[in-house]
PDB file of N, CA and C in Angstrom:
ATOM      1  N   MET A   1     150.525  94.640  52.779  1.00  0.00           N
ATOM      2  CA  MET A   1     149.965  94.203  54.161  1.00  0.00           C
ATOM      3  C   MET A   1     149.364  92.828  53.980  1.00  0.00           C
ATOM      4  N   PRO A   2     148.669  92.529  52.901  1.00  0.00           N
ATOM      5  CA  PRO A   2     148.042  90.970  52.937  1.00  0.00           C
ATOM      6  C   PRO A   2     149.136  89.955  53.108  1.00  0.00           C
ATOM      7  N   ALA A   3     150.526  90.210  52.658  1.00  0.00           N
ATOM      8  CA  ALA A   3     151.428  89.247  52.933  1.00  0.00           C
ATOM      9  C   ALA A   3     151.623  88.697  54.147  1.00  0.00           C
ATOM     10  N   PHE A   4     151.587  89.662  55.170  1.00  0.00           N
ATOM     11  CA  PHE A   4     151.641  89.472  56.647  1.00  0.00           C
ATOM     12  C   PHE A   4     150.877  88.550  57.201  1.00  0.00           C
ATOM     13  N   PHE A   5     149.448  88.729  56.850  1.00  0.00           N
ATOM     14  CA  PHE A   5     148.347  87.902  57.220  1.00  0.00           C
ATOM     15  C   PHE A   5     148.507  86.527  56.639  1.00  0.00           C
ATOM     16  N   LEU A   6     148.936  86.519  55.220  1.00  0.00           N
ATOM     17  CA  LEU A   6     149.069  85.304  54.632  1.00  0.00           C
ATOM     18  C   LEU A   6     149.965  84.363  55.485  1.00  0.00           C
ATOM     19  N   VAL A   7     151.143  84.830  55.684  1.00  0.00           N
ATOM     20  CA  VAL A   7     152.334  84.295  56.385  1.00  0.00           C
ATOM     21  C   VAL A   7     151.803  83.736  57.768  1.00  0.00           C
ATOM     22  N   PHE A   8     150.895  84.658  58.449  1.00  0.00           N
ATOM     23  CA  PHE A   8     150.543  84.426  59.791  1.00  0.00           C
ATOM     24  C   PHE A   8     149.515  83.295  59.665  1.00  0.00           C
ATOM     25  N   TYR A   9     148.766  83.315  58.850  1.00  0.00           N
ATOM     26  CA  TYR A   9     147.699  82.311  58.790  1.00  0.00           C
ATOM     27  C   TYR A   9     148.319  80.700  58.302  1.00  0.00           C
ATOM     28  N   ALA A  10     149.246  80.998  57.422  1.00  0.00           N
ATOM     29  CA  ALA A  10     150.094  79.691  57.064  1.00  0.00           C
ATOM     30  C   ALA A  10     150.941  79.007  58.288  1.00  0.00           C
ATOM     31  N   LEU A  11     151.422  80.002  59.190  1.00  0.00           N
ATOM     32  CA  LEU A  11     151.883  79.428  60.577  1.00  0.00           C
ATOM     33  C   LEU A  11     150.922  78.918  61.337  1.00  0.00           C
ATOM     34  N   ILE A  12     149.853  79.498  61.467  1.00  0.00           N
ATOM     35  CA  ILE A  12     148.827  78.858  62.329  1.00  0.00           C
ATOM     36  C   ILE A  12     148.312  77.487  61.773  1.00  0.00           C
ATOM     37  N   ALA A  13     148.253  77.385  60.437  1.00  0.00           N
ATOM     38  CA  ALA A  13     147.855  76.098  59.571  1.00  0.00           C
ATOM     39  C   ALA A  13     149.092  74.974  60.049  1.00  0.00           C
ATOM     40  N   LEU A  14     150.300  75.404  59.922  1.00  0.00           N
ATOM     41  CA  LEU A  14     151.418  74.720  60.059  1.00  0.00           C
ATOM     42  C   LEU A  14     151.412  74.275  61.513  1.00  0.00           C
ATOM     43  N   LEU A  15     151.124  75.067  62.628  1.00  0.00           N
ATOM     44  CA  LEU A  15     151.117  74.639  63.938  1.00  0.00           C
ATOM     45  C   LEU A  15     150.157  73.702  64.143  1.00  0.00           C
ATOM     46  N   GLY A  16     149.025  73.894  63.451  1.00  0.00           N
ATOM     47  CA  GLY A  16     147.737  72.879  63.556  1.00  0.00           C
ATOM     48  C   GLY A  16     148.080  71.496  63.195  1.00  0.00           C
ATOM     49  N   LEU A  17     148.984  71.545  61.960  1.00  0.00           N
ATOM     50  CA  LEU A  17     149.157  70.098  61.541  1.00  0.00           C
ATOM     51  C   LEU A  17     150.320  69.617  62.466  1.00  0.00           C
ATOM     52  N   PHE A  18     151.262  70.208  62.938  1.00  0.00           N
ATOM     53  CA  PHE A  18     152.062  69.520  64.042  1.00  0.00           C
ATOM     54  C   PHE A  18     151.456  69.269  65.224  1.00  0.00           C
ATOM     55  N   THR A  19     150.582  69.981  65.565  1.00  0.00           N
ATOM     56  CA  THR A  19     149.727  69.584  66.780  1.00  0.00           C
ATOM     57  C   THR A  19     148.670  68.248  66.605  1.00  0.00           C
ATOM     58  N   THR A  20     148.261  68.222  65.403  1.00  0.00           N
ATOM     59  CA  THR A  20     147.455  67.024  65.009  1.00  0.00           C
ATOM     60  C   THR A  20     148.446  65.779  65.005  1.00  0.00           C
ATOM     61  N   ALA A  21     149.738  65.980  64.524  1.00  0.00           N
ATOM     62  CA  ALA A  21     150.624  64.706  64.352  1.00  0.00           C
ATOM     63  C   ALA A  21     151.048  64.264  65.692  1.00  0.00           C
ATOM     64  N   ALA A  22     151.113  65.341  66.522  1.00  0.00           N
ATOM     65  CA  ALA A  22     151.837  64.938  68.122  1.00  0.00           C
ATOM     66  C   ALA A  22     150.886  64.727  69.152  1.00  0.00           C
ATOM     67  N   ALA A  23     149.372  64.987  68.877  1.00  0.00           N
ATOM     68  CA  ALA A  23     148.478  64.684  69.812  1.00  0.00           C
ATOM     69  C   ALA A  23     147.634  63.503  69.780  1.00  0.00           C
ATOM     70  N   GLU A  24     146.828  63.330  70.758  1.00  0.00           N
ATOM     71  CA  GLU A  24     146.027  62.011  70.759  1.00  0.00           C
ATOM     72  C   GLU A  24     144.639  62.719  71.020  1.00  0.00           C
ATOM     73  N   GLY A  25     143.400  62.059  70.703  1.00  0.00           N
ATOM     74  CA  GLY A  25     142.237  62.441  71.241  1.00  0.00           C
ATOM     75  C   GLY A  25     141.636  63.667  70.818  1.00  0.00           C
ATOM     76  N   TYR A  26     140.939  64.595  71.769  1.00  0.00           N
ATOM     77  CA  TYR A  26     140.273  65.717  71.251  1.00  0.00           C
ATOM     78  C   TYR A  26     141.403  66.799  70.964  1.00  0.00           C
ATOM     79  N   LEU A  27     142.489  66.756  71.597  1.00  0.00           N
ATOM     80  CA  LEU A  27     143.526  67.683  71.215  1.00  0.00           C
ATOM     81  C   LEU A  27     143.936  67.578  69.591  1.00  0.00           C
ATOM     82  N   ALA A  28     143.915  66.412  68.985  1.00  0.00           N
ATOM     83  CA  ALA A  28     144.212  66.126  67.766  1.00  0.00           C
ATOM     84  C   ALA A  28     143.258  66.735  66.837  1.00  0.00           C
ATOM     85  N   THR A  29     141.893  66.562  67.117  1.00  0.00           N
ATOM     86  CA  THR A  29     140.894  67.342  66.688  1.00  0.00           C
ATOM     87  C   THR A  29     141.137  68.876  66.671  1.00  0.00           C
ATOM     88  N   PHE A  30     141.500  69.458  67.681  1.00  0.00           N
ATOM     89  CA  PHE A  30     141.626  70.770  67.904  1.00  0.00           C
ATOM     90  C   PHE A  30     142.746  71.180  66.745  1.00  0.00           C
ATOM     91  N   GLY A  31     143.922  70.535  66.679  1.00  0.00           N
ATOM     92  CA  GLY A  31     144.784  70.601  65.865  1.00  0.00           C
ATOM     93  C   GLY A  31     144.362  70.743  64.342  1.00  0.00           C
ATOM     94  N   GLY A  32     143.487  69.710  64.051  1.00  0.00           N
ATOM     95  CA  GLY A  32     142.880  69.624  62.693  1.00  0.00           C
ATOM     96  C   GLY A  32     142.175  70.815  62.421  1.00  0.00           C
ATOM     97  N   LEU A  33     141.307  71.117  63.389  1.00  0.00           N
ATOM     98  CA  LEU A  33     140.528  72.431  63.015  1.00  0.00           C
ATOM     99  C   LEU A  33     141.362  73.676  63.105  1.00  0.00           C
ATOM    100  N   MET A  34     142.448  73.760  63.649  1.00  0.00           N
ATOM    101  CA  MET A  34     143.282  74.938  63.677  1.00  0.00           C
ATOM    102  C   MET A  34     143.792  74.926  62.347  1.00  0.00           C
ATOM    103  N   ALA A  35     144.459  73.957  61.882  1.00  0.00           N
ATOM    104  CA  ALA A  35     144.778  73.811  60.637  1.00  0.00           C
ATOM    105  C   ALA A  35     143.910  74.193  59.405  1.00  0.00           C
ATOM    106  N   LEU A  36     142.614  73.763  59.445  1.00  0.00           N
ATOM    107  CA  LEU A  36     141.601  74.169  58.576  1.00  0.00           C
ATOM    108  C   LEU A  36     141.241  75.641  58.695  1.00  0.00           C
ATOM    109  N   PHE A  37     141.273  76.145  59.833  1.00  0.00           N
ATOM    110  CA  PHE A  37     141.047  77.466  60.117  1.00  0.00           C
ATOM    111  C   PHE A  37     142.032  78.443  59.352  1.00  0.00           C
ATOM    112  N   GLY A  38     143.410  77.885  59.361  1.00  0.00           N
ATOM    113  CA  GLY A  38     144.498  78.696  58.979  1.00  0.00           C
ATOM    114  C   GLY A  38     144.283  78.696  57.334  1.00  0.00           C
ATOM    115  N   LEU A  39     144.116  77.510  56.786  1.00  0.00           N
ATOM    116  CA  LEU A  39     143.781  77.360  55.432  1.00  0.00           C
ATOM    117  C   LEU A  39     142.762  78.234  54.795  1.00  0.00           C
ATOM    118  N   VAL A  40     141.661  78.187  55.541  1.00  0.00           N
ATOM    119  CA  VAL A  40     140.503  79.004  55.161  1.00  0.00           C
ATOM    120  C   VAL A  40     140.711  80.540  55.092  1.00  0.00           C
ATOM    121  N   MET A  41     141.504  80.870  56.263  1.00  0.00           N
ATOM    122  CA  MET A  41     141.751  82.390  56.411  1.00  0.00           C
ATOM    123  C   MET A  41     142.779  82.802  55.257  1.00  0.00           C
ATOM    124  N   ALA A  42     143.727  81.800  55.037  1.00  0.00           N
ATOM    125  CA  ALA A  42     144.626  82.177  53.961  1.00  0.00           C
ATOM    126  C   ALA A  42     144.052  82.318  52.444  1.00  0.00           C
ATOM    127  N   TYR A  43     143.071  81.439  52.375  1.00  0.00           N
ATOM    128  CA  TYR A  43     142.274  81.607  51.209  1.00  0.00           C
ATOM    129  C   TYR A  43     141.438  82.883  50.939  1.00  0.00           C
ATOM    130  N   GLY A  44     140.939  82.955  52.140  1.00  0.00           N
ATOM    131  CA  GLY A  44     140.368  84.491  52.189  1.00  0.00           C
ATOM    132  C   GLY A  44     141.078  85.838  51.859  1.00  0.00           C
ATOM    133  N   VAL A  45     142.394  85.681  52.500  1.00  0.00           N
ATOM    134  CA  VAL A  45     143.291  86.774  52.173  1.00  0.00           C
ATOM    135  C   VAL A  45     143.428  86.928  50.710  1.00  0.00           C
ATOM    136  N   VAL A  46     143.843  85.743  50.010  1.00  0.00           N
ATOM    137  CA  VAL A  46     144.074  85.679  48.627  1.00  0.00           C
ATOM    138  C   VAL A  46     143.005  86.198  47.807  1.00  0.00           C
ATOM    139  N   LYS A  47     141.888  85.725  48.408  1.00  0.00           N
ATOM    140  CA  LYS A  47     140.428  86.019  47.513  1.00  0.00           C
ATOM    141  C   LYS A  47     140.127  87.302  47.602  1.00  0.00           C
ATOM    142  N   ARG A  48     140.431  88.036  48.885  1.00  0.00           N
ATOM    143  CA  ARG A  48     140.028  89.468  48.720  1.00  0.00           C
ATOM    144  C   ARG A  48     141.220  90.373  48.140  1.00  0.00           C
ATOM    145  N   HIS A  49     142.329  89.911  48.033  1.00  0.00           N
ATOM    146  CA  HIS A  49     143.424  90.634  47.231  1.00  0.00           C
ATOM    147  C   HIS A  49     143.067  90.584  45.740  1.00  0.00           C
ATOM    148  N   TYR A  50     142.603  89.278  45.137  1.00  0.00           N
ATOM    149  CA  TYR A  50     142.229  89.468  43.679  1.00  0.00           C
ATOM    150  C   TYR A  50     140.861  90.070  43.508  1.00  0.00           C
ATOM    151  N   ASP A  51     139.948  89.920  44.301  1.00  0.00           N
ATOM    152  CA  ASP A  51     138.772  90.627  44.165  1.00  0.00           C
ATOM    153  C   ASP A  51     138.855  92.319  44.369  1.00  0.00           C
ATOM    154  N   ALA A  52     139.843  92.759  45.044  1.00  0.00           N
ATOM    155  CA  ALA A  52     140.126  94.090  45.071  1.00  0.00           C
ATOM    156  C   ALA A  52     140.789  94.478  43.834  1.00  0.00           C
ATOM    157  N   ASN A  53     141.721  93.859  43.287  1.00  0.00           N
ATOM    158  CA  ASN A  53     142.376  94.358  42.140  1.00  0.00           C
ATOM    159  C   ASN A  53     141.493  94.108  41.076  1.00  0.00           C
ATOM    160  N   GLU A  54     140.417  93.078  40.917  1.00  0.00           N
ATOM    161  CA  GLU A  54     139.690  92.948  39.900  1.00  0.00           C
ATOM    162  C   GLU A  54     138.562  94.274  39.717  1.00  0.00           C
ATOM    163  N   ALA A  55     138.333  94.755  41.105  1.00  0.00           N
ATOM    164  CA  ALA A  55     137.389  95.990  41.085  1.00  0.00           C
ATOM    165  C   ALA A  55     137.857  97.198  40.408  1.00  0.00           C
ATOM    166  N   HIS A  56     139.273  97.271  40.394  1.00  0.00           N
ATOM    167  CA  HIS A  56     139.924  98.513  39.761  1.00  0.00           C
ATOM    168  C   HIS A  56     139.857  98.411  38.326  1.00  0.00           C
TER     169      HIS A  56
END
């Protein structure tokens, strides 16, 4: 199941990067924040996966 969320957050980050590249003004900021959100959440998915494996 973590693979689904990892891909989902990667797509959000990619969409944010495309939005940032195509937009101007505040929408470019929104795209950058969306890309940052996707990266942070994908990192969280990977971190939780390894933390759960380490606990066993």
